[in-house]
Each structure stands twice: as C-alpha cells, then as structure tokens.
Full PDB file with SEQRES, HELIX, SHEET, SSBOND, CRYST1, ORIGX, SCALE, CONECT and MASTER records, all heavy atoms in Angstrom:
SEQRES   1 A   42  GLU LYS LEU GLY GLN VAL GLY GLY ASN THR LEU ILE SER          
SEQRES   2 A   42  GLY GLY GLU TYR ALA ALA PRO ALA ASN GLU LEU GLN GLU          
SEQRES   3 A   42  LYS GLU GLY ILE GLU ASP SER LYS GLU LEU PHE ALA LYS          
SEQRES   4 A   42  ASP VAL GLU                                                  
HELIX    1 AA1 GLY A    8  LEU A   11  1                                   4    
HELIX    2 AA2 GLU A   23  GLU A   28  1                                   6    
HELIX    3 AA3 LYS A   34  VAL A   41  1                                   8    
CRYST1    1.000    1.000    1.000  90.00  90.00  90.00 P 1           1          
ORIGX1      1.000000  0.000000  0.000000        0.00000                         
ORIGX2      0.000000  1.000000  0.000000        0.00000                         
ORIGX3      0.000000  0.000000  1.000000        0.00000                         
SCALE1      1.000000  0.000000  0.000000        0.00000                         
SCALE2      0.000000  1.000000  0.000000        0.00000                         
SCALE3      0.000000  0.000000  1.000000        0.00000                         
ATOM      1  N   GLU A   1      47.825  83.536 120.054  1.00  0.00           N  
ATOM      2  CA  GLU A   1      47.455  83.939 121.442  1.00  0.00           C  
ATOM      3  C   GLU A   1      45.918  83.667 121.667  1.00  0.00           C  
ATOM      4  O   GLU A   1      45.163  84.149 120.828  1.00  0.00           O  
ATOM      5  CB  GLU A   1      47.700  85.402 121.678  1.00  0.00           C  
ATOM      6  CG  GLU A   1      47.132  86.132 122.912  1.00  0.00           C  
ATOM      7  CD  GLU A   1      47.566  85.429 124.179  1.00  0.00           C  
ATOM      8  OE1 GLU A   1      48.682  85.203 124.401  1.00  0.00           O  
ATOM      9  OE2 GLU A   1      46.677  85.028 124.918  1.00  0.00           O  
ATOM     10  N   LYS A   2      45.515  83.035 122.696  1.00  0.00           N  
ATOM     11  CA  LYS A   2      44.123  82.669 122.821  1.00  0.00           C  
ATOM     12  C   LYS A   2      43.353  83.816 123.405  1.00  0.00           C  
ATOM     13  O   LYS A   2      42.025  83.824 123.078  1.00  0.00           O  
ATOM     14  CB  LYS A   2      44.057  81.500 123.832  1.00  0.00           C  
ATOM     15  CG  LYS A   2      44.159  81.769 125.286  1.00  0.00           C  
ATOM     16  CD  LYS A   2      43.930  80.557 126.167  1.00  0.00           C  
ATOM     17  CE  LYS A   2      44.120  80.877 127.676  1.00  0.00           C  
ATOM     18  NZ  LYS A   2      43.791  79.645 128.430  1.00  0.00           N  
ATOM     19  N   LEU A   3      43.953  84.818 123.973  1.00  0.00           N  
ATOM     20  CA  LEU A   3      43.174  85.965 124.470  1.00  0.00           C  
ATOM     21  C   LEU A   3      43.025  87.027 123.297  1.00  0.00           C  
ATOM     22  O   LEU A   3      43.699  86.816 122.221  1.00  0.00           O  
ATOM     23  CB  LEU A   3      43.764  86.631 125.634  1.00  0.00           C  
ATOM     24  CG  LEU A   3      43.998  85.725 126.814  1.00  0.00           C  
ATOM     25  CD1 LEU A   3      44.622  86.609 128.054  1.00  0.00           C  
ATOM     26  CD2 LEU A   3      42.709  85.105 127.330  1.00  0.00           C  
ATOM     27  N   GLY A   4      42.252  87.942 123.585  1.00  0.00           N  
ATOM     28  CA  GLY A   4      42.006  89.020 122.517  1.00  0.00           C  
ATOM     29  C   GLY A   4      43.175  89.977 122.503  1.00  0.00           C  
ATOM     30  O   GLY A   4      43.285  90.838 121.584  1.00  0.00           O  
ATOM     31  N   GLN A   5      44.104  89.984 123.458  1.00  0.00           N  
ATOM     32  CA  GLN A   5      45.184  90.899 123.634  1.00  0.00           C  
ATOM     33  C   GLN A   5      46.366  90.085 123.935  1.00  0.00           C  
ATOM     34  O   GLN A   5      46.401  89.193 124.784  1.00  0.00           O  
ATOM     35  CB  GLN A   5      44.861  91.881 124.672  1.00  0.00           C  
ATOM     36  CG  GLN A   5      46.046  92.870 124.973  1.00  0.00           C  
ATOM     37  CD  GLN A   5      45.844  93.565 126.303  1.00  0.00           C  
ATOM     38  OE1 GLN A   5      45.140  93.068 127.178  1.00  0.00           O  
ATOM     39  NE2 GLN A   5      46.415  94.754 126.430  1.00  0.00           N  
ATOM     40  N   VAL A   6      47.543  90.548 123.356  1.00  0.00           N  
ATOM     41  CA  VAL A   6      48.830  89.879 123.704  1.00  0.00           C  
ATOM     42  C   VAL A   6      49.402  90.464 125.150  1.00  0.00           C  
ATOM     43  O   VAL A   6      48.983  91.580 125.446  1.00  0.00           O  
ATOM     44  CB  VAL A   6      49.848  90.032 122.611  1.00  0.00           C  
ATOM     45  CG1 VAL A   6      49.436  89.328 121.395  1.00  0.00           C  
ATOM     46  CG2 VAL A   6      50.130  91.490 122.391  1.00  0.00           C  
ATOM     47  N   GLY A   7      50.289  89.779 125.627  1.00  0.00           N  
ATOM     48  CA  GLY A   7      50.922  90.407 126.841  1.00  0.00           C  
ATOM     49  C   GLY A   7      51.101  89.494 127.967  1.00  0.00           C  
ATOM     50  O   GLY A   7      52.110  89.503 128.668  1.00  0.00           O  
ATOM     51  N   GLY A   8      50.144  88.690 128.213  1.00  0.00           N  
ATOM     52  CA  GLY A   8      50.122  87.730 129.428  1.00  0.00           C  
ATOM     53  C   GLY A   8      50.507  88.431 130.672  1.00  0.00           C  
ATOM     54  O   GLY A   8      50.215  89.594 130.981  1.00  0.00           O  
ATOM     55  N   ASN A   9      51.162  87.627 131.600  1.00  0.00           N  
ATOM     56  CA  ASN A   9      51.632  88.216 132.808  1.00  0.00           C  
ATOM     57  C   ASN A   9      52.633  89.215 132.752  1.00  0.00           C  
ATOM     58  O   ASN A   9      52.767  90.176 133.635  1.00  0.00           O  
ATOM     59  CB  ASN A   9      52.173  87.130 133.799  1.00  0.00           C  
ATOM     60  CG  ASN A   9      51.042  86.229 134.398  1.00  0.00           C  
ATOM     61  OD1 ASN A   9      49.905  86.669 134.629  1.00  0.00           O  
ATOM     62  ND2 ASN A   9      51.491  85.138 134.976  1.00  0.00           N  
ATOM     63  N   THR A  10      53.382  89.229 131.625  1.00  0.00           N  
ATOM     64  CA  THR A  10      54.416  90.285 131.398  1.00  0.00           C  
ATOM     65  C   THR A  10      53.777  91.596 131.340  1.00  0.00           C  
ATOM     66  O   THR A  10      54.232  92.600 131.933  1.00  0.00           O  
ATOM     67  CB  THR A  10      55.197  90.131 130.049  1.00  0.00           C  
ATOM     68  OG1 THR A  10      55.763  88.746 130.194  1.00  0.00           O  
ATOM     69  CG2 THR A  10      56.375  91.139 129.921  1.00  0.00           C  
ATOM     70  N   LEU A  11      52.584  91.718 130.747  1.00  0.00           N  
ATOM     71  CA  LEU A  11      51.896  92.998 130.458  1.00  0.00           C  
ATOM     72  C   LEU A  11      51.535  93.608 131.778  1.00  0.00           C  
ATOM     73  O   LEU A  11      51.603  94.801 132.003  1.00  0.00           O  
ATOM     74  CB  LEU A  11      50.649  92.787 129.538  1.00  0.00           C  
ATOM     75  CG  LEU A  11      49.785  94.007 129.410  1.00  0.00           C  
ATOM     76  CD1 LEU A  11      50.579  94.894 128.423  1.00  0.00           C  
ATOM     77  CD2 LEU A  11      48.519  93.592 128.717  1.00  0.00           C  
ATOM     78  N   ILE A  12      51.047  92.854 132.738  1.00  0.00           N  
ATOM     79  CA  ILE A  12      50.548  93.330 134.001  1.00  0.00           C  
ATOM     80  C   ILE A  12      51.567  93.364 135.062  1.00  0.00           C  
ATOM     81  O   ILE A  12      51.205  93.628 136.329  1.00  0.00           O  
ATOM     82  CB  ILE A  12      49.311  92.604 134.428  1.00  0.00           C  
ATOM     83  CG1 ILE A  12      49.611  90.998 134.600  1.00  0.00           C  
ATOM     84  CG2 ILE A  12      48.225  92.706 133.454  1.00  0.00           C  
ATOM     85  CD1 ILE A  12      48.456  90.205 135.143  1.00  0.00           C  
ATOM     86  N   SER A  13      52.818  93.033 134.889  1.00  0.00           N  
ATOM     87  CA  SER A  13      53.952  93.046 135.768  1.00  0.00           C  
ATOM     88  C   SER A  13      54.542  94.452 135.892  1.00  0.00           C  
ATOM     89  O   SER A  13      54.348  95.236 135.040  1.00  0.00           O  
ATOM     90  CB  SER A  13      54.965  91.949 135.393  1.00  0.00           C  
ATOM     91  OG  SER A  13      55.767  92.419 134.326  1.00  0.00           O  
ATOM     92  N   GLY A  14      55.491  94.557 136.782  1.00  0.00           N  
ATOM     93  CA  GLY A  14      56.328  95.768 136.922  1.00  0.00           C  
ATOM     94  C   GLY A  14      57.402  95.736 135.854  1.00  0.00           C  
ATOM     95  O   GLY A  14      57.982  96.794 135.543  1.00  0.00           O  
ATOM     96  N   GLY A  15      57.740  94.609 135.256  1.00  0.00           N  
ATOM     97  CA  GLY A  15      58.650  94.480 134.198  1.00  0.00           C  
ATOM     98  C   GLY A  15      60.048  94.657 134.646  1.00  0.00           C  
ATOM     99  O   GLY A  15      61.054  94.621 133.780  1.00  0.00           O  
ATOM    100  N   GLU A  16      60.437  94.577 135.889  1.00  0.00           N  
ATOM    101  CA  GLU A  16      61.769  94.705 136.439  1.00  0.00           C  
ATOM    102  C   GLU A  16      62.538  93.403 136.034  1.00  0.00           C  
ATOM    103  O   GLU A  16      62.034  92.349 136.049  1.00  0.00           O  
ATOM    104  CB  GLU A  16      61.883  94.918 137.941  1.00  0.00           C  
ATOM    105  CG  GLU A  16      61.244  96.200 138.455  1.00  0.00           C  
ATOM    106  CD  GLU A  16      59.822  96.141 138.638  1.00  0.00           C  
ATOM    107  OE1 GLU A  16      59.224  95.063 138.497  1.00  0.00           O  
ATOM    108  OE2 GLU A  16      59.210  97.232 138.997  1.00  0.00           O  
ATOM    109  N   TYR A  17      63.894  93.587 135.741  1.00  0.00           N  
ATOM    110  CA  TYR A  17      64.696  92.572 135.168  1.00  0.00           C  
ATOM    111  C   TYR A  17      65.979  92.350 135.910  1.00  0.00           C  
ATOM    112  O   TYR A  17      66.815  93.305 135.860  1.00  0.00           O  
ATOM    113  CB  TYR A  17      64.991  92.899 133.708  1.00  0.00           C  
ATOM    114  CG  TYR A  17      65.562  91.902 132.799  1.00  0.00           C  
ATOM    115  CD1 TYR A  17      65.022  91.350 131.732  1.00  0.00           C  
ATOM    116  CD2 TYR A  17      66.947  91.522 133.004  1.00  0.00           C  
ATOM    117  CE1 TYR A  17      65.572  90.364 130.919  1.00  0.00           C  
ATOM    118  CE2 TYR A  17      67.594  90.665 132.256  1.00  0.00           C  
ATOM    119  CZ  TYR A  17      66.907  89.996 131.244  1.00  0.00           C  
ATOM    120  OH  TYR A  17      67.590  89.149 130.414  1.00  0.00           O  
ATOM    121  N   ALA A  18      66.181  91.201 136.480  1.00  0.00           N  
ATOM    122  CA  ALA A  18      67.503  90.982 137.248  1.00  0.00           C  
ATOM    123  C   ALA A  18      68.571  90.694 136.296  1.00  0.00           C  
ATOM    124  O   ALA A  18      68.565  89.834 135.498  1.00  0.00           O  
ATOM    125  CB  ALA A  18      67.243  89.724 138.071  1.00  0.00           C  
ATOM    126  N   ALA A  19      69.744  91.550 136.358  1.00  0.00           N  
ATOM    127  CA  ALA A  19      70.807  91.407 135.412  1.00  0.00           C  
ATOM    128  C   ALA A  19      72.101  91.656 136.281  1.00  0.00           C  
ATOM    129  O   ALA A  19      72.504  92.722 136.620  1.00  0.00           O  
ATOM    130  CB  ALA A  19      70.681  92.551 134.279  1.00  0.00           C  
ATOM    131  N   PRO A  20      72.860  90.510 136.459  1.00  0.00           N  
ATOM    132  CA  PRO A  20      74.047  90.581 137.165  1.00  0.00           C  
ATOM    133  C   PRO A  20      75.128  91.351 136.471  1.00  0.00           C  
ATOM    134  O   PRO A  20      75.291  91.212 135.289  1.00  0.00           O  
ATOM    135  CB  PRO A  20      74.443  89.151 137.520  1.00  0.00           C  
ATOM    136  CG  PRO A  20      73.850  88.427 136.399  1.00  0.00           C  
ATOM    137  CD  PRO A  20      72.558  89.182 135.915  1.00  0.00           C  
ATOM    138  N   ALA A  21      76.057  91.988 137.177  1.00  0.00           N  
ATOM    139  CA  ALA A  21      77.285  92.644 136.695  1.00  0.00           C  
ATOM    140  C   ALA A  21      76.909  93.583 135.570  1.00  0.00           C  
ATOM    141  O   ALA A  21      77.522  93.464 134.410  1.00  0.00           O  
ATOM    142  CB  ALA A  21      78.297  91.699 136.329  1.00  0.00           C  
ATOM    143  N   ASN A  22      75.963  94.431 135.702  1.00  0.00           N  
ATOM    144  CA  ASN A  22      75.559  95.315 134.658  1.00  0.00           C  
ATOM    145  C   ASN A  22      76.222  96.701 134.879  1.00  0.00           C  
ATOM    146  O   ASN A  22      76.804  97.016 135.842  1.00  0.00           O  
ATOM    147  CB  ASN A  22      73.990  95.472 134.613  1.00  0.00           C  
ATOM    148  CG  ASN A  22      73.426  96.146 135.753  1.00  0.00           C  
ATOM    149  OD1 ASN A  22      73.718  97.334 136.146  1.00  0.00           O  
ATOM    150  ND2 ASN A  22      72.556  95.374 136.606  1.00  0.00           N  
ATOM    151  N   GLU A  23      75.998  97.508 133.762  1.00  0.00           N  
ATOM    152  CA  GLU A  23      76.755  98.819 133.735  1.00  0.00           C  
ATOM    153  C   GLU A  23      76.239  99.799 134.722  1.00  0.00           C  
ATOM    154  O   GLU A  23      77.033 100.691 135.239  1.00  0.00           O  
ATOM    155  CB  GLU A  23      76.570  99.466 132.348  1.00  0.00           C  
ATOM    156  CG  GLU A  23      75.270  99.913 131.914  1.00  0.00           C  
ATOM    157  CD  GLU A  23      74.327  98.791 131.518  1.00  0.00           C  
ATOM    158  OE1 GLU A  23      74.750  97.687 131.546  1.00  0.00           O  
ATOM    159  OE2 GLU A  23      73.155  99.142 131.290  1.00  0.00           O  
ATOM    160  N   LEU A  24      74.955  99.718 135.125  1.00  0.00           N  
ATOM    161  CA  LEU A  24      74.434 100.618 136.188  1.00  0.00           C  
ATOM    162  C   LEU A  24      75.033 100.305 137.581  1.00  0.00           C  
ATOM    163  O   LEU A  24      75.347 101.189 138.431  1.00  0.00           O  
ATOM    164  CB  LEU A  24      72.965 100.607 136.306  1.00  0.00           C  
ATOM    165  CG  LEU A  24      72.254 101.146 134.968  1.00  0.00           C  
ATOM    166  CD1 LEU A  24      70.682 101.050 135.188  1.00  0.00           C  
ATOM    167  CD2 LEU A  24      72.622 102.493 134.689  1.00  0.00           C  
ATOM    168  N   GLN A  25      75.314  99.053 137.777  1.00  0.00           N  
ATOM    169  CA  GLN A  25      75.950  98.651 139.025  1.00  0.00           C  
ATOM    170  C   GLN A  25      77.403  99.217 139.145  1.00  0.00           C  
ATOM    171  O   GLN A  25      77.852  99.587 140.155  1.00  0.00           O  
ATOM    172  CB  GLN A  25      75.934  97.086 139.113  1.00  0.00           C  
ATOM    173  CG  GLN A  25      74.681  96.383 139.507  1.00  0.00           C  
ATOM    174  CD  GLN A  25      74.806  94.902 139.539  1.00  0.00           C  
ATOM    175  OE1 GLN A  25      75.377  94.249 138.622  1.00  0.00           O  
ATOM    176  NE2 GLN A  25      74.245  94.245 140.572  1.00  0.00           N  
ATOM    177  N   GLU A  26      78.030  99.143 137.915  1.00  0.00           N  
ATOM    178  CA  GLU A  26      79.445  99.594 137.935  1.00  0.00           C  
ATOM    179  C   GLU A  26      79.456 101.128 138.178  1.00  0.00           C  
ATOM    180  O   GLU A  26      80.335 101.533 138.960  1.00  0.00           O  
ATOM    181  CB  GLU A  26      79.923  99.376 136.493  1.00  0.00           C  
ATOM    182  CG  GLU A  26      81.449  99.822 136.330  1.00  0.00           C  
ATOM    183  CD  GLU A  26      81.992  99.391 135.004  1.00  0.00           C  
ATOM    184  OE1 GLU A  26      81.324  98.648 134.225  1.00  0.00           O  
ATOM    185  OE2 GLU A  26      83.124  99.854 134.626  1.00  0.00           O  
ATOM    186  N   LYS A  27      78.439 101.911 137.804  1.00  0.00           N  
ATOM    187  CA  LYS A  27      78.405 103.294 138.090  1.00  0.00           C  
ATOM    188  C   LYS A  27      78.251 103.627 139.536  1.00  0.00           C  
ATOM    189  O   LYS A  27      78.705 104.477 140.109  1.00  0.00           O  
ATOM    190  CB  LYS A  27      77.281 103.981 137.290  1.00  0.00           C  
ATOM    191  CG  LYS A  27      77.495 104.117 135.831  1.00  0.00           C  
ATOM    192  CD  LYS A  27      76.361 104.823 135.116  1.00  0.00           C  
ATOM    193  CE  LYS A  27      76.521 105.012 133.589  1.00  0.00           C  
ATOM    194  NZ  LYS A  27      75.316 105.638 132.997  1.00  0.00           N  
ATOM    195  N   GLU A  28      77.351 102.757 140.194  1.00  0.00           N  
ATOM    196  CA  GLU A  28      77.197 102.871 141.648  1.00  0.00           C  
ATOM    197  C   GLU A  28      78.208 102.185 142.461  1.00  0.00           C  
ATOM    198  O   GLU A  28      78.066 102.292 143.779  1.00  0.00           O  
ATOM    199  CB  GLU A  28      75.788 102.322 141.933  1.00  0.00           C  
ATOM    200  CG  GLU A  28      74.558 103.058 141.362  1.00  0.00           C  
ATOM    201  CD  GLU A  28      73.260 102.611 141.871  1.00  0.00           C  
ATOM    202  OE1 GLU A  28      73.140 102.336 143.125  1.00  0.00           O  
ATOM    203  OE2 GLU A  28      72.300 102.494 141.205  1.00  0.00           O  
ATOM    204  N   GLY A  29      79.117 101.511 141.847  1.00  0.00           N  
ATOM    205  CA  GLY A  29      80.153 100.866 142.721  1.00  0.00           C  
ATOM    206  C   GLY A  29      79.676  99.577 143.343  1.00  0.00           C  
ATOM    207  O   GLY A  29      80.248  99.242 144.370  1.00  0.00           O  
ATOM    208  N   ILE A  30      78.749  98.895 142.767  1.00  0.00           N  
ATOM    209  CA  ILE A  30      78.092  97.708 143.325  1.00  0.00           C  
ATOM    210  C   ILE A  30      78.887  96.483 142.643  1.00  0.00           C  
ATOM    211  O   ILE A  30      78.914  96.375 141.532  1.00  0.00           O  
ATOM    212  CB  ILE A  30      76.561  97.574 143.029  1.00  0.00           C  
ATOM    213  CG1 ILE A  30      75.817  98.765 143.648  1.00  0.00           C  
ATOM    214  CG2 ILE A  30      76.065  96.240 143.535  1.00  0.00           C  
ATOM    215  CD1 ILE A  30      74.408  98.815 143.152  1.00  0.00           C  
ATOM    216  N   GLU A  31      79.388  95.709 143.678  1.00  0.00           N  
ATOM    217  CA  GLU A  31      80.070  94.600 143.119  1.00  0.00           C  
ATOM    218  C   GLU A  31      79.157  93.336 142.956  1.00  0.00           C  
ATOM    219  O   GLU A  31      78.356  93.042 143.913  1.00  0.00           O  
ATOM    220  CB  GLU A  31      81.278  94.071 144.119  1.00  0.00           C  
ATOM    221  CG  GLU A  31      82.386  95.144 144.138  1.00  0.00           C  
ATOM    222  CD  GLU A  31      83.576  94.737 145.008  1.00  0.00           C  
ATOM    223  OE1 GLU A  31      83.542  93.452 145.422  1.00  0.00           O  
ATOM    224  OE2 GLU A  31      84.518  95.521 145.329  1.00  0.00           O  
ATOM    225  N   ASP A  32      79.151  92.799 141.842  1.00  0.00           N  
ATOM    226  CA  ASP A  32      78.230  91.698 141.467  1.00  0.00           C  
ATOM    227  C   ASP A  32      78.863  90.708 140.505  1.00  0.00           C  
ATOM    228  O   ASP A  32      79.938  91.111 139.885  1.00  0.00           O  
ATOM    229  CB  ASP A  32      76.906  92.196 141.038  1.00  0.00           C  
ATOM    230  CG  ASP A  32      75.781  91.281 141.028  1.00  0.00           C  
ATOM    231  OD1 ASP A  32      75.865  90.124 141.585  1.00  0.00           O  
ATOM    232  OD2 ASP A  32      74.747  91.502 140.448  1.00  0.00           O  
ATOM    233  N   SER A  33      78.328  89.527 140.341  1.00  0.00           N  
ATOM    234  CA  SER A  33      78.804  88.608 139.437  1.00  0.00           C  
ATOM    235  C   SER A  33      77.746  87.624 138.962  1.00  0.00           C  
ATOM    236  O   SER A  33      76.738  87.435 139.735  1.00  0.00           O  
ATOM    237  CB  SER A  33      79.993  87.794 139.948  1.00  0.00           C  
ATOM    238  OG  SER A  33      79.545  86.981 141.033  1.00  0.00           O  
ATOM    239  N   LYS A  34      77.938  86.943 137.938  1.00  0.00           N  
ATOM    240  CA  LYS A  34      77.044  85.920 137.446  1.00  0.00           C  
ATOM    241  C   LYS A  34      76.981  84.779 138.495  1.00  0.00           C  
ATOM    242  O   LYS A  34      75.890  84.236 138.715  1.00  0.00           O  
ATOM    243  CB  LYS A  34      77.502  85.301 136.051  1.00  0.00           C  
ATOM    244  CG  LYS A  34      77.437  86.369 134.983  1.00  0.00           C  
ATOM    245  CD  LYS A  34      78.030  85.707 133.646  1.00  0.00           C  
ATOM    246  CE  LYS A  34      77.998  86.771 132.519  1.00  0.00           C  
ATOM    247  NZ  LYS A  34      78.533  86.159 131.170  1.00  0.00           N  
ATOM    248  N   GLU A  35      78.063  84.573 139.089  1.00  0.00           N  
ATOM    249  CA  GLU A  35      78.164  83.492 140.101  1.00  0.00           C  
ATOM    250  C   GLU A  35      77.259  83.711 141.331  1.00  0.00           C  
ATOM    251  O   GLU A  35      76.630  82.931 141.830  1.00  0.00           O  
ATOM    252  CB  GLU A  35      79.601  83.146 140.471  1.00  0.00           C  
ATOM    253  CG  GLU A  35      80.472  82.575 139.417  1.00  0.00           C  
ATOM    254  CD  GLU A  35      80.843  83.496 138.268  1.00  0.00           C  
ATOM    255  OE1 GLU A  35      80.784  84.791 138.551  1.00  0.00           O  
ATOM    256  OE2 GLU A  35      81.133  83.107 137.143  1.00  0.00           O  
ATOM    257  N   LEU A  36      77.362  84.992 141.737  1.00  0.00           N  
ATOM    258  CA  LEU A  36      76.568  85.470 142.912  1.00  0.00           C  
ATOM    259  C   LEU A  36      75.052  85.356 142.517  1.00  0.00           C  
ATOM    260  O   LEU A  36      74.327  85.057 143.389  1.00  0.00           O  
ATOM    261  CB  LEU A  36      77.029  86.902 143.365  1.00  0.00           C  
ATOM    262  CG  LEU A  36      76.284  87.388 144.568  1.00  0.00           C  
ATOM    263  CD1 LEU A  36      76.545  86.537 145.748  1.00  0.00           C  
ATOM    264  CD2 LEU A  36      76.784  88.901 144.886  1.00  0.00           C  
ATOM    265  N   PHE A  37      74.740  85.832 141.368  1.00  0.00           N  
ATOM    266  CA  PHE A  37      73.337  85.775 140.860  1.00  0.00           C  
ATOM    267  C   PHE A  37      72.821  84.366 140.955  1.00  0.00           C  
ATOM    268  O   PHE A  37      71.732  84.020 141.442  1.00  0.00           O  
ATOM    269  CB  PHE A  37      73.201  86.444 139.578  1.00  0.00           C  
ATOM    270  CG  PHE A  37      71.911  86.344 138.895  1.00  0.00           C  
ATOM    271  CD1 PHE A  37      70.766  86.782 139.610  1.00  0.00           C  
ATOM    272  CD2 PHE A  37      71.627  85.707 137.653  1.00  0.00           C  
ATOM    273  CE1 PHE A  37      69.488  86.713 139.080  1.00  0.00           C  
ATOM    274  CE2 PHE A  37      70.337  85.664 137.170  1.00  0.00           C  
ATOM    275  CZ  PHE A  37      69.265  86.089 137.820  1.00  0.00           C  
ATOM    276  N   ALA A  38      73.630  83.422 140.431  1.00  0.00           N  
ATOM    277  CA  ALA A  38      73.287  82.026 140.424  1.00  0.00           C  
ATOM    278  C   ALA A  38      72.990  81.510 141.768  1.00  0.00           C  
ATOM    279  O   ALA A  38      72.159  80.713 142.092  1.00  0.00           O  
ATOM    280  CB  ALA A  38      74.351  81.205 139.578  1.00  0.00           C  
ATOM    281  N   LYS A  39      73.975  81.859 142.707  1.00  0.00           N  
ATOM    282  CA  LYS A  39      73.842  81.412 144.090  1.00  0.00           C  
ATOM    283  C   LYS A  39      72.533  81.909 144.691  1.00  0.00           C  
ATOM    284  O   LYS A  39      71.966  81.149 145.406  1.00  0.00           O  
ATOM    285  CB  LYS A  39      75.073  81.925 144.837  1.00  0.00           C  
ATOM    286  CG  LYS A  39      75.066  81.522 146.340  1.00  0.00           C  
ATOM    287  CD  LYS A  39      76.259  82.044 147.071  1.00  0.00           C  
ATOM    288  CE  LYS A  39      76.279  81.596 148.482  1.00  0.00           C  
ATOM    289  NZ  LYS A  39      77.442  82.200 149.235  1.00  0.00           N  
ATOM    290  N   ASP A  40      72.179  83.165 144.445  1.00  0.00           N  
ATOM    291  CA  ASP A  40      70.930  83.750 145.071  1.00  0.00           C  
ATOM    292  C   ASP A  40      69.823  82.854 144.508  1.00  0.00           C  
ATOM    293  O   ASP A  40      68.939  82.615 145.380  1.00  0.00           O  
ATOM    294  CB  ASP A  40      70.800  85.146 144.636  1.00  0.00           C  
ATOM    295  CG  ASP A  40      71.797  86.027 145.322  1.00  0.00           C  
ATOM    296  OD1 ASP A  40      72.436  85.611 146.288  1.00  0.00           O  
ATOM    297  OD2 ASP A  40      71.987  87.200 144.854  1.00  0.00           O  
ATOM    298  N   VAL A  41      69.673  82.655 143.216  1.00  0.00           N  
ATOM    299  CA  VAL A  41      68.585  81.869 142.657  1.00  0.00           C  
ATOM    300  C   VAL A  41      68.555  80.469 143.140  1.00  0.00           C  
ATOM    301  O   VAL A  41      67.500  79.898 143.420  1.00  0.00           O  
ATOM    302  CB  VAL A  41      68.647  82.010 141.095  1.00  0.00           C  
ATOM    303  CG1 VAL A  41      67.419  81.216 140.519  1.00  0.00           C  
ATOM    304  CG2 VAL A  41      68.511  83.429 140.692  1.00  0.00           C  
ATOM    305  N   GLU A  42      69.750  79.862 143.388  1.00  0.00           N  
ATOM    306  CA  GLU A  42      69.830  78.426 143.656  1.00  0.00           C  
ATOM    307  C   GLU A  42      69.346  78.218 145.118  1.00  0.00           C  
ATOM    308  O   GLU A  42      69.037  77.103 145.498  1.00  0.00           O  
ATOM    309  CB  GLU A  42      71.237  77.937 143.564  1.00  0.00           C  
ATOM    310  CG  GLU A  42      71.720  77.670 142.170  1.00  0.00           C  
ATOM    311  CD  GLU A  42      73.231  77.235 142.125  1.00  0.00           C  
ATOM    312  OE1 GLU A  42      73.691  76.763 143.088  1.00  0.00           O  
ATOM    313  OE2 GLU A  42      73.815  77.474 140.994  1.00  0.00           O  
TER     314      GLU A  42                                                      
MASTER        0    0    0    3    0    0    0    6  313    1    0    4          
END                                                                             
C-alpha cells in the first residue's frame, strides 16, 4: 500500500453491499433474483 494507511475508497465509503436474493429479502417478502440484479446493472 503506497499510503500510510490501508483502506482506500472502501474505508471512506458507507460499505453497503448489493446482494440479490438474500435471506433478509426473504424475511421481508421481497422477490429478487440474480437475473434481475444483472439486468439492473446492465
């Protein structure tokens, strides 16, 4: 690492992570899929 501290942009971000068809969605009754996630990003 060229800086004196590790972390980069990850360190100063909110750290939120997009994960399709996850267990928390299932608890909330949210329908999602890998295909829908891919479509959104595309």
